[in-house]
PDB file of all heavy atoms in Angstrom:
ATOM      1  N   THR A   1     -20.817  14.922  17.403  1.00  0.00           N
ATOM      2  CA  THR A   1     -19.727  14.453  16.619  1.00  0.00           C
ATOM      3  C   THR A   1     -19.629  12.964  16.780  1.00  0.00           C
ATOM      4  O   THR A   1     -18.811  12.370  15.946  1.00  0.00           O
ATOM      5  CB  THR A   1     -18.347  15.017  17.327  1.00  0.00           C
ATOM      6  OG1 THR A   1     -18.327  14.788  18.776  1.00  0.00           O
ATOM      7  CG2 THR A   1     -18.334  16.551  17.276  1.00  0.00           C
ATOM      8  N   ASP A   2     -20.324  12.255  17.578  1.00  0.00           N
ATOM      9  CA  ASP A   2     -20.281  10.787  17.546  1.00  0.00           C
ATOM     10  C   ASP A   2     -21.518  10.027  16.843  1.00  0.00           C
ATOM     11  O   ASP A   2     -21.725   8.989  17.109  1.00  0.00           O
ATOM     12  CB  ASP A   2     -20.016  10.143  19.035  1.00  0.00           C
ATOM     13  CG  ASP A   2     -21.339  10.494  19.814  1.00  0.00           C
ATOM     14  OD1 ASP A   2     -22.088  11.403  19.432  1.00  0.00           O
ATOM     15  OD2 ASP A   2     -21.445   9.898  20.938  1.00  0.00           O
ATOM     16  N   ALA A   3     -21.982  10.973  16.092  1.00  0.00           N
ATOM     17  CA  ALA A   3     -23.312  10.357  15.312  1.00  0.00           C
ATOM     18  C   ALA A   3     -22.902   9.225  14.334  1.00  0.00           C
ATOM     19  O   ALA A   3     -23.722   8.402  13.997  1.00  0.00           O
ATOM     20  CB  ALA A   3     -24.005  11.583  14.608  1.00  0.00           C
ATOM     21  N   VAL A   4     -21.793   9.383  13.751  1.00  0.00           N
ATOM     22  CA  VAL A   4     -21.258   8.380  12.822  1.00  0.00           C
ATOM     23  C   VAL A   4     -19.888   7.864  13.326  1.00  0.00           C
ATOM     24  O   VAL A   4     -19.018   8.568  13.601  1.00  0.00           O
ATOM     25  CB  VAL A   4     -20.966   9.048  11.439  1.00  0.00           C
ATOM     26  CG1 VAL A   4     -20.613   7.932  10.364  1.00  0.00           C
ATOM     27  CG2 VAL A   4     -22.340   9.698  10.919  1.00  0.00           C
ATOM     28  N   HIS A   5     -19.870   6.417  13.325  1.00  0.00           N
ATOM     29  CA  HIS A   5     -18.680   5.736  13.998  1.00  0.00           C
ATOM     30  C   HIS A   5     -18.006   5.121  12.819  1.00  0.00           C
ATOM     31  O   HIS A   5     -18.620   4.565  11.923  1.00  0.00           O
ATOM     32  CB  HIS A   5     -19.229   4.736  14.909  1.00  0.00           C
ATOM     33  CG  HIS A   5     -19.903   5.282  16.072  1.00  0.00           C
ATOM     34  ND1 HIS A   5     -19.247   5.846  17.102  1.00  0.00           N
ATOM     35  CD2 HIS A   5     -21.231   5.354  16.338  1.00  0.00           C
ATOM     36  CE1 HIS A   5     -20.204   6.262  18.061  1.00  0.00           C
ATOM     37  NE2 HIS A   5     -21.474   5.977  17.624  1.00  0.00           N
ATOM     38  N   VAL A   6     -16.675   5.102  12.904  1.00  0.00           N
ATOM     39  CA  VAL A   6     -15.653   4.267  12.015  1.00  0.00           C
ATOM     40  C   VAL A   6     -15.181   3.270  12.759  1.00  0.00           C
ATOM     41  O   VAL A   6     -14.648   3.370  13.880  1.00  0.00           O
ATOM     42  CB  VAL A   6     -14.739   5.240  11.445  1.00  0.00           C
ATOM     43  CG1 VAL A   6     -13.832   4.457  10.548  1.00  0.00           C
ATOM     44  CG2 VAL A   6     -15.339   6.405  10.674  1.00  0.00           C
ATOM     45  N   GLY A   7     -15.366   1.926  12.184  1.00  0.00           N
ATOM     46  CA  GLY A   7     -14.830   0.799  12.872  1.00  0.00           C
ATOM     47  C   GLY A   7     -13.472   0.459  12.177  1.00  0.00           C
ATOM     48  O   GLY A   7     -12.667   1.233  11.870  1.00  0.00           O
ATOM     49  N   LEU A   8     -13.340  -0.793  11.904  1.00  0.00           N
ATOM     50  CA  LEU A   8     -12.204  -1.283  11.344  1.00  0.00           C
ATOM     51  C   LEU A   8     -12.128  -0.847   9.842  1.00  0.00           C
ATOM     52  O   LEU A   8     -13.006  -0.679   9.174  1.00  0.00           O
ATOM     53  CB  LEU A   8     -12.166  -2.912  11.282  1.00  0.00           C
ATOM     54  CG  LEU A   8     -12.009  -3.599  12.508  1.00  0.00           C
ATOM     55  CD1 LEU A   8     -12.157  -5.044  12.367  1.00  0.00           C
ATOM     56  CD2 LEU A   8     -10.783  -3.136  13.277  1.00  0.00           C
ATOM     57  N   VAL A   9     -10.826  -0.556   9.542  1.00  0.00           N
ATOM     58  CA  VAL A   9     -10.505   0.006   8.056  1.00  0.00           C
ATOM     59  C   VAL A   9      -9.374  -1.053   7.636  1.00  0.00           C
ATOM     60  O   VAL A   9      -8.564  -1.442   8.278  1.00  0.00           O
ATOM     61  CB  VAL A   9      -9.929   1.378   8.050  1.00  0.00           C
ATOM     62  CG1 VAL A   9      -9.571   1.680   6.655  1.00  0.00           C
ATOM     63  CG2 VAL A   9     -10.873   2.345   8.526  1.00  0.00           C
ATOM     64  N   SER A  10      -9.728  -1.502   6.336  1.00  0.00           N
ATOM     65  CA  SER A  10      -8.763  -2.368   5.580  1.00  0.00           C
ATOM     66  C   SER A  10      -8.254  -1.870   4.287  1.00  0.00           C
ATOM     67  O   SER A  10      -9.080  -1.232   3.684  1.00  0.00           O
ATOM     68  CB  SER A  10      -9.255  -3.740   5.591  1.00  0.00           C
ATOM     69  OG  SER A  10     -10.341  -3.815   4.763  1.00  0.00           O
ATOM     70  N   ILE A  11      -7.057  -2.169   3.967  1.00  0.00           N
ATOM     71  CA  ILE A  11      -6.508  -1.875   2.655  1.00  0.00           C
ATOM     72  C   ILE A  11      -5.825  -3.050   2.182  1.00  0.00           C
ATOM     73  O   ILE A  11      -4.651  -3.498   2.670  1.00  0.00           O
ATOM     74  CB  ILE A  11      -5.666  -0.604   2.668  1.00  0.00           C
ATOM     75  CG1 ILE A  11      -6.295   0.675   3.156  1.00  0.00           C
ATOM     76  CG2 ILE A  11      -5.015  -0.424   1.132  1.00  0.00           C
ATOM     77  CD1 ILE A  11      -5.467   1.789   3.097  1.00  0.00           C
ATOM     78  N   PRO A  12      -6.285  -3.887   1.359  1.00  0.00           N
ATOM     79  CA  PRO A  12      -5.859  -5.171   0.934  1.00  0.00           C
ATOM     80  C   PRO A  12      -4.397  -4.970   0.391  1.00  0.00           C
ATOM     81  O   PRO A  12      -3.554  -5.786   0.588  1.00  0.00           O
ATOM     82  CB  PRO A  12      -6.686  -5.731  -0.247  1.00  0.00           C
ATOM     83  CG  PRO A  12      -8.076  -5.024   0.008  1.00  0.00           C
ATOM     84  CD  PRO A  12      -7.709  -3.673   0.783  1.00  0.00           C
ATOM     85  N   GLN A  13      -4.126  -3.921  -0.384  1.00  0.00           N
ATOM     86  CA  GLN A  13      -2.861  -3.631  -1.125  1.00  0.00           C
ATOM     87  C   GLN A  13      -2.807  -2.231  -1.579  1.00  0.00           C
ATOM     88  O   GLN A  13      -3.797  -1.553  -1.828  1.00  0.00           O
ATOM     89  CB  GLN A  13      -2.367  -4.560  -1.970  1.00  0.00           C
ATOM     90  CG  GLN A  13      -3.302  -4.497  -3.281  1.00  0.00           C
ATOM     91  CD  GLN A  13      -2.774  -5.589  -4.360  1.00  0.00           C
ATOM     92  OE1 GLN A  13      -2.095  -6.606  -3.989  1.00  0.00           O
ATOM     93  NE2 GLN A  13      -3.308  -5.390  -5.515  1.00  0.00           N
ATOM     94  N   PHE A  14      -1.460  -1.617  -1.785  1.00  0.00           N
ATOM     95  CA  PHE A  14      -1.354  -0.445  -2.478  1.00  0.00           C
ATOM     96  C   PHE A  14      -0.917  -0.821  -3.899  1.00  0.00           C
ATOM     97  O   PHE A  14      -0.125  -1.672  -4.068  1.00  0.00           O
ATOM     98  CB  PHE A  14      -0.316   0.429  -1.852  1.00  0.00           C
ATOM     99  CG  PHE A  14      -0.782   0.942  -0.397  1.00  0.00           C
ATOM    100  CD1 PHE A  14      -0.068   0.424   0.722  1.00  0.00           C
ATOM    101  CD2 PHE A  14      -1.659   1.946  -0.306  1.00  0.00           C
ATOM    102  CE1 PHE A  14      -0.487   0.858   1.912  1.00  0.00           C
ATOM    103  CE2 PHE A  14      -1.963   2.339   0.902  1.00  0.00           C
ATOM    104  CZ  PHE A  14      -1.372   1.943   2.106  1.00  0.00           C
ATOM    105  N   GLY A  15      -1.288   0.035  -4.879  1.00  0.00           N
ATOM    106  CA  GLY A  15      -0.926  -0.160  -6.307  1.00  0.00           C
ATOM    107  C   GLY A  15       0.106   1.034  -6.571  1.00  0.00           C
ATOM    108  O   GLY A  15      -0.188   2.087  -6.476  1.00  0.00           O
ATOM    109  N   PHE A  16       1.136   0.560  -7.205  1.00  0.00           N
ATOM    110  CA  PHE A  16       2.166   1.540  -7.694  1.00  0.00           C
ATOM    111  C   PHE A  16       2.316   1.477  -9.189  1.00  0.00           C
ATOM    112  O   PHE A  16       1.961   0.518  -9.923  1.00  0.00           O
ATOM    113  CB  PHE A  16       3.508   1.262  -7.034  1.00  0.00           C
ATOM    114  CG  PHE A  16       3.470   1.208  -5.547  1.00  0.00           C
ATOM    115  CD1 PHE A  16       3.349   0.051  -4.860  1.00  0.00           C
ATOM    116  CD2 PHE A  16       3.297   2.350  -4.738  1.00  0.00           C
ATOM    117  CE1 PHE A  16       3.256  -0.048  -3.477  1.00  0.00           C
ATOM    118  CE2 PHE A  16       3.343   2.294  -3.435  1.00  0.00           C
ATOM    119  CZ  PHE A  16       3.175   1.118  -2.704  1.00  0.00           C
ATOM    120  N   SER A  17       2.994   2.483  -9.787  1.00  0.00           N
ATOM    121  CA  SER A  17       3.203   2.493 -11.102  1.00  0.00           C
ATOM    122  C   SER A  17       4.286   1.539 -11.465  1.00  0.00           C
ATOM    123  O   SER A  17       5.065   1.063 -10.571  1.00  0.00           O
ATOM    124  CB  SER A  17       3.793   3.927 -11.503  1.00  0.00           C
ATOM    125  OG  SER A  17       5.076   4.142 -10.914  1.00  0.00           O
ATOM    126  N   LYS A  18       4.453   1.173 -12.727  1.00  0.00           N
ATOM    127  CA  LYS A  18       5.462   0.154 -13.097  1.00  0.00           C
ATOM    128  C   LYS A  18       6.870   0.503 -12.777  1.00  0.00           C
ATOM    129  O   LYS A  18       7.677  -0.237 -12.273  1.00  0.00           O
ATOM    130  CB  LYS A  18       5.332   0.026 -14.661  1.00  0.00           C
ATOM    131  CG  LYS A  18       6.181  -1.137 -15.169  1.00  0.00           C
ATOM    132  CD  LYS A  18       6.051  -1.380 -16.707  1.00  0.00           C
ATOM    133  CE  LYS A  18       6.982  -2.634 -17.130  1.00  0.00           C
ATOM    134  NZ  LYS A  18       8.342  -2.458 -16.897  1.00  0.00           N
ATOM    135  N   ALA A  19       7.170   1.875 -12.912  1.00  0.00           N
ATOM    136  CA  ALA A  19       8.519   2.355 -12.585  1.00  0.00           C
ATOM    137  C   ALA A  19       8.825   2.029 -11.083  1.00  0.00           C
ATOM    138  O   ALA A  19       9.977   1.624 -10.709  1.00  0.00           O
ATOM    139  CB  ALA A  19       8.686   3.738 -12.953  1.00  0.00           C
ATOM    140  N   VAL A  20       7.829   2.272 -10.282  1.00  0.00           N
ATOM    141  CA  VAL A  20       8.059   2.178  -8.822  1.00  0.00           C
ATOM    142  C   VAL A  20       8.194   0.713  -8.584  1.00  0.00           C
ATOM    143  O   VAL A  20       9.061   0.296  -7.762  1.00  0.00           O
ATOM    144  CB  VAL A  20       6.968   2.810  -8.015  1.00  0.00           C
ATOM    145  CG1 VAL A  20       6.911   2.419  -6.561  1.00  0.00           C
ATOM    146  CG2 VAL A  20       6.785   4.310  -8.138  1.00  0.00           C
ATOM    147  N   ARG A  21       7.345  -0.111  -9.183  1.00  0.00           N
ATOM    148  CA  ARG A  21       7.392  -1.670  -8.957  1.00  0.00           C
ATOM    149  C   ARG A  21       8.754  -2.177  -9.276  1.00  0.00           C
ATOM    150  O   ARG A  21       9.331  -3.070  -8.685  1.00  0.00           O
ATOM    151  CB  ARG A  21       6.406  -2.320  -9.773  1.00  0.00           C
ATOM    152  CG  ARG A  21       4.947  -1.981  -9.142  1.00  0.00           C
ATOM    153  CD  ARG A  21       3.743  -3.062  -9.637  1.00  0.00           C
ATOM    154  NE  ARG A  21       3.834  -3.327 -11.097  1.00  0.00           N
ATOM    155  CZ  ARG A  21       3.052  -2.453 -11.932  1.00  0.00           C
ATOM    156  NH1 ARG A  21       2.317  -1.540 -11.422  1.00  0.00           N
ATOM    157  NH2 ARG A  21       3.139  -2.830 -13.195  1.00  0.00           N
ATOM    158  N   ASP A  22       9.254  -1.704 -10.455  1.00  0.00           N
ATOM    159  CA  ASP A  22      10.621  -2.056 -10.922  1.00  0.00           C
ATOM    160  C   ASP A  22      11.678  -1.713  -9.831  1.00  0.00           C
ATOM    161  O   ASP A  22      12.581  -2.470  -9.654  1.00  0.00           O
ATOM    162  CB  ASP A  22      10.945  -1.510 -12.233  1.00  0.00           C
ATOM    163  CG  ASP A  22      10.072  -2.086 -13.447  1.00  0.00           C
ATOM    164  OD1 ASP A  22       9.445  -3.043 -13.167  1.00  0.00           O
ATOM    165  OD2 ASP A  22       9.884  -1.455 -14.528  1.00  0.00           O
ATOM    166  N   THR A  23      11.584  -0.519  -9.477  1.00  0.00           N
ATOM    167  CA  THR A  23      12.472  -0.015  -8.365  1.00  0.00           C
ATOM    168  C   THR A  23      12.451  -0.923  -7.132  1.00  0.00           C
ATOM    169  O   THR A  23      13.571  -1.352  -6.562  1.00  0.00           O
ATOM    170  CB  THR A  23      12.369   1.388  -8.023  1.00  0.00           C
ATOM    171  OG1 THR A  23      12.426   2.196  -9.227  1.00  0.00           O
ATOM    172  CG2 THR A  23      13.269   1.889  -6.986  1.00  0.00           C
ATOM    173  N   LEU A  24      11.280  -1.185  -6.726  1.00  0.00           N
ATOM    174  CA  LEU A  24      11.134  -2.082  -5.464  1.00  0.00           C
ATOM    175  C   LEU A  24      11.724  -3.551  -5.781  1.00  0.00           C
ATOM    176  O   LEU A  24      12.240  -4.147  -4.817  1.00  0.00           O
ATOM    177  CB  LEU A  24       9.634  -2.103  -5.083  1.00  0.00           C
ATOM    178  CG  LEU A  24       9.018  -0.752  -4.654  1.00  0.00           C
ATOM    179  CD1 LEU A  24       7.468  -0.998  -4.363  1.00  0.00           C
ATOM    180  CD2 LEU A  24       9.686  -0.432  -3.336  1.00  0.00           C
ATOM    181  N   GLU A  25      11.408  -4.003  -6.918  1.00  0.00           N
ATOM    182  CA  GLU A  25      11.919  -5.347  -7.315  1.00  0.00           C
ATOM    183  C   GLU A  25      13.438  -5.346  -7.212  1.00  0.00           C
ATOM    184  O   GLU A  25      14.028  -6.329  -6.754  1.00  0.00           O
ATOM    185  CB  GLU A  25      11.495  -5.786  -8.654  1.00  0.00           C
ATOM    186  CG  GLU A  25       9.920  -6.145  -8.517  1.00  0.00           C
ATOM    187  CD  GLU A  25       9.337  -6.492  -9.849  1.00  0.00           C
ATOM    188  OE1 GLU A  25      10.115  -6.487 -10.950  1.00  0.00           O
ATOM    189  OE2 GLU A  25       8.225  -6.812 -10.058  1.00  0.00           O
ATOM    190  N   LYS A  26      14.202  -4.333  -7.757  1.00  0.00           N
ATOM    191  CA  LYS A  26      15.573  -4.321  -7.881  1.00  0.00           C
ATOM    192  C   LYS A  26      16.053  -4.150  -6.427  1.00  0.00           C
ATOM    193  O   LYS A  26      17.110  -4.899  -6.062  1.00  0.00           O
ATOM    194  CB  LYS A  26      15.941  -3.044  -8.577  1.00  0.00           C
ATOM    195  CG  LYS A  26      15.782  -3.210 -10.060  1.00  0.00           C
ATOM    196  CD  LYS A  26      16.193  -1.987 -10.941  1.00  0.00           C
ATOM    197  CE  LYS A  26      15.994  -2.033 -12.410  1.00  0.00           C
ATOM    198  NZ  LYS A  26      16.405  -0.952 -13.170  1.00  0.00           N
ATOM    199  N   LYS A  27      15.498  -3.438  -5.596  1.00  0.00           N
ATOM    200  CA  LYS A  27      15.956  -3.360  -4.157  1.00  0.00           C
ATOM    201  C   LYS A  27      15.776  -4.658  -3.446  1.00  0.00           C
ATOM    202  O   LYS A  27      16.676  -5.165  -2.768  1.00  0.00           O
ATOM    203  CB  LYS A  27      15.054  -2.281  -3.370  1.00  0.00           C
ATOM    204  CG  LYS A  27      15.419  -0.903  -3.618  1.00  0.00           C
ATOM    205  CD  LYS A  27      14.757   0.052  -2.764  1.00  0.00           C
ATOM    206  CE  LYS A  27      15.091   1.443  -2.908  1.00  0.00           C
ATOM    207  NZ  LYS A  27      14.398   2.506  -2.033  1.00  0.00           N
ATOM    208  N   ALA A  28      14.697  -5.322  -3.742  1.00  0.00           N
ATOM    209  CA  ALA A  28      14.441  -6.770  -3.114  1.00  0.00           C
ATOM    210  C   ALA A  28      15.653  -7.735  -3.590  1.00  0.00           C
ATOM    211  O   ALA A  28      15.997  -8.497  -2.846  1.00  0.00           O
ATOM    212  CB  ALA A  28      13.038  -7.109  -3.487  1.00  0.00           C
ATOM    213  N   GLU A  29      15.912  -7.594  -4.939  1.00  0.00           N
ATOM    214  CA  GLU A  29      16.827  -8.571  -5.490  1.00  0.00           C
ATOM    215  C   GLU A  29      18.324  -8.304  -4.912  1.00  0.00           C
ATOM    216  O   GLU A  29      19.100  -9.103  -4.608  1.00  0.00           O
ATOM    217  CB  GLU A  29      16.826  -8.445  -7.044  1.00  0.00           C
ATOM    218  CG  GLU A  29      15.542  -8.992  -7.700  1.00  0.00           C
ATOM    219  CD  GLU A  29      15.461  -8.618  -9.080  1.00  0.00           C
ATOM    220  OE1 GLU A  29      16.452  -8.072  -9.649  1.00  0.00           O
ATOM    221  OE2 GLU A  29      14.564  -9.141  -9.834  1.00  0.00           O
ATOM    222  N   SER A  30      18.503  -7.012  -4.527  1.00  0.00           N
ATOM    223  CA  SER A  30      19.855  -6.618  -4.214  1.00  0.00           C
ATOM    224  C   SER A  30      20.100  -7.045  -2.757  1.00  0.00           C
ATOM    225  O   SER A  30      21.303  -7.296  -2.310  1.00  0.00           O
ATOM    226  CB  SER A  30      20.083  -5.049  -4.246  1.00  0.00           C
ATOM    227  OG  SER A  30      19.076  -4.450  -3.359  1.00  0.00           O
ATOM    228  N   HIS A  31      19.112  -7.180  -1.984  1.00  0.00           N
ATOM    229  CA  HIS A  31      19.122  -7.763  -0.664  1.00  0.00           C
ATOM    230  C   HIS A  31      19.163  -9.415  -0.685  1.00  0.00           C
ATOM    231  O   HIS A  31      19.293 -10.049   0.320  1.00  0.00           O
ATOM    232  CB  HIS A  31      17.934  -7.413   0.202  1.00  0.00           C
ATOM    233  CG  HIS A  31      18.022  -5.899   0.521  1.00  0.00           C
ATOM    234  ND1 HIS A  31      19.011  -5.213   1.172  1.00  0.00           N
ATOM    235  CD2 HIS A  31      17.109  -4.899   0.010  1.00  0.00           C
ATOM    236  CE1 HIS A  31      18.742  -3.889   1.154  1.00  0.00           C
ATOM    237  NE2 HIS A  31      17.674  -3.681   0.464  1.00  0.00           N
TER     238      HIS A  31
END
């Protein structure tokens, strides 16, 4: 089971639909 090792994993960013991005922007503006 240790024949293959996984080291660091990175995800630069998540991509969302325009509708979700608009919702997140409105939430950020309201704060």
